[in-house]
Protein backbone atom coordinates (compact mmCIF):
# COMPACT_ATOMS: atom_id res chain seq x y z
CA MET A 1 -2.04 14.95 15.06
CA ILE A 2 -4.51 13.46 12.66
CA LEU A 3 -1.89 13.31 9.96
CA VAL A 4 0.33 11.22 12.20
CA LEU A 5 -2.53 8.89 13.11
CA VAL A 6 -3.57 8.33 9.49
CA THR A 7 0.08 7.74 8.52
CA ILE A 8 0.43 5.05 11.23
CA VAL A 9 -2.80 3.37 10.15
CA HIS A 10 -1.64 3.55 6.52
CA VAL A 11 1.72 1.83 7.26
CA ILE A 12 0.07 -0.90 9.37
CA VAL A 13 -2.54 -1.59 6.68
CA CYS A 14 0.14 -1.62 4.04
CA LEU A 15 2.17 -4.23 5.84
CA PHE A 16 -0.98 -6.27 6.54
CA LEU A 17 -1.98 -6.10 2.84
CA ILE A 18 1.42 -7.32 1.76
CA ALA A 19 1.19 -10.28 4.22
CA VAL A 20 -2.29 -11.23 3.17
CA VAL A 21 -1.48 -11.11 -0.55
CA LEU A 22 1.61 -13.21 -0.03
CA LEU A 23 -0.39 -15.81 1.90
CA GLN A 24 -2.80 -16.30 -0.99
CA SER A 25 -2.02 -18.96 -3.42
CA GLY A 26 -2.29 -18.86 -7.21
CA ALA A 27 -5.35 -19.75 -9.21
CA SER A 28 -4.22 -23.31 -9.91
CA ALA A 29 -3.07 -24.15 -6.35
CA ASP A 30 -5.18 -24.35 -3.26
CA LEU A 31 -4.41 -23.20 0.25
CA ALA A 32 -3.57 -26.73 1.37
CA GLY A 33 -0.23 -26.62 -0.40
CA ALA A 34 0.92 -23.62 1.56
CA PHE A 35 0.51 -25.46 4.87
CA GLY A 36 1.94 -28.71 3.52
CA GLY A 37 -1.15 -30.83 4.23
CA LEU A 38 -4.23 -32.19 2.63
CA GLY A 39 -7.40 -30.14 2.23
CA SER A 40 -9.03 -31.50 5.32
CA GLN A 41 -5.99 -31.04 7.49
CA THR A 42 -5.38 -27.31 6.93
CA ALA A 43 -6.14 -24.59 9.37
CA PHE A 44 -9.01 -23.09 7.37
CA GLY A 45 -10.19 -25.99 5.26
CA PRO A 46 -9.98 -26.16 1.47
CA ARG A 47 -12.40 -23.35 0.54
CA ALA A 48 -13.02 -21.40 3.78
CA GLY A 49 -9.45 -20.09 3.89
CA ALA A 50 -9.62 -18.72 0.39
CA ASN A 51 -12.83 -16.91 1.25
CA LEU A 52 -11.40 -15.47 4.44
CA LEU A 53 -8.17 -14.36 2.76
CA THR A 54 -10.20 -12.82 -0.10
CA LYS A 55 -12.31 -10.86 2.34
CA LEU A 56 -9.28 -9.69 4.28
CA THR A 57 -7.55 -8.61 1.08
CA THR A 58 -10.64 -6.68 -0.06
CA TRP A 59 -11.07 -4.80 3.24
CA ALA A 60 -7.31 -4.12 3.57
CA ALA A 61 -7.27 -2.71 -0.03
CA ILE A 62 -10.32 -0.47 0.73
CA ILE A 63 -8.71 0.85 3.93
CA PHE A 64 -5.45 1.36 2.09
CA MET A 65 -7.07 3.37 -0.70
CA LEU A 66 -9.09 5.48 1.75
CA SER A 67 -6.02 6.25 3.83
CA SER A 68 -4.08 7.12 0.67
CA PHE A 69 -6.75 9.65 -0.34
CA THR A 70 -6.89 11.03 3.22
CA LEU A 71 -3.15 11.46 3.37
CA ALA A 72 -3.07 13.21 0.00
CA ILE A 73 -5.80 15.64 1.10
CA LEU A 74 -4.30 16.25 4.50
CA SER A 75 -0.78 16.79 3.22
CA THR A 76 -1.92 19.48 0.77
CA ARG A 77 -3.89 21.26 3.50
CA HIS A 78 -1.15 21.10 6.17
CA GLY A 79 1.88 21.39 3.92
CA GLY A 80 0.76 24.49 2.11
CA GLY A 81 0.27 22.81 -1.23
CA THR A 82 2.53 25.19 -3.19
CA GLY A 83 2.66 22.92 -6.16
CA SER A 84 6.01 21.45 -7.12
CA VAL A 85 9.13 20.46 -5.24
CA LEU A 86 11.15 22.21 -7.97
CA ASP A 87 9.61 25.58 -7.08
CA ASN A 88 11.91 25.79 -4.02
CA SER A 89 15.10 24.78 -5.84
CA LYS A 90 17.66 27.44 -6.73
CA SER A 91 18.72 27.66 -10.32
CA VAL A 92 22.41 27.96 -11.01
CA PRO A 93 23.25 30.63 -13.59
CA THR A 94 25.03 29.23 -16.62
CA LYS A 95 27.93 30.95 -18.23
CA SER A 96 27.42 31.73 -21.83
CA VAL A 97 30.42 31.40 -24.06
CA PRO A 98 30.42 33.60 -27.14
CA ALA A 99 30.58 31.84 -30.44
CA LYS A 100 33.84 32.13 -32.36
């Protein structure tokens, strides 16, 4: 139950983090160019939007990392944690041909 809940939170935060990073502009451009207006006519203003997006990115990244660690720990506890995926694979015997 908790594994499903953490997975859902992880996917939502992942999509939110992608959107927030794509909304941010580069270092040389400001947020006004993204909305097609001047600095005073944007939704957030020239500097407040950058601060808001930076804070949202930071918190989304922190939640993403914590949920990643939680999923890794929970999957090893619930999945058995046998080690490798290749442990369960069957090996096909090879035919040896004698040298002539």
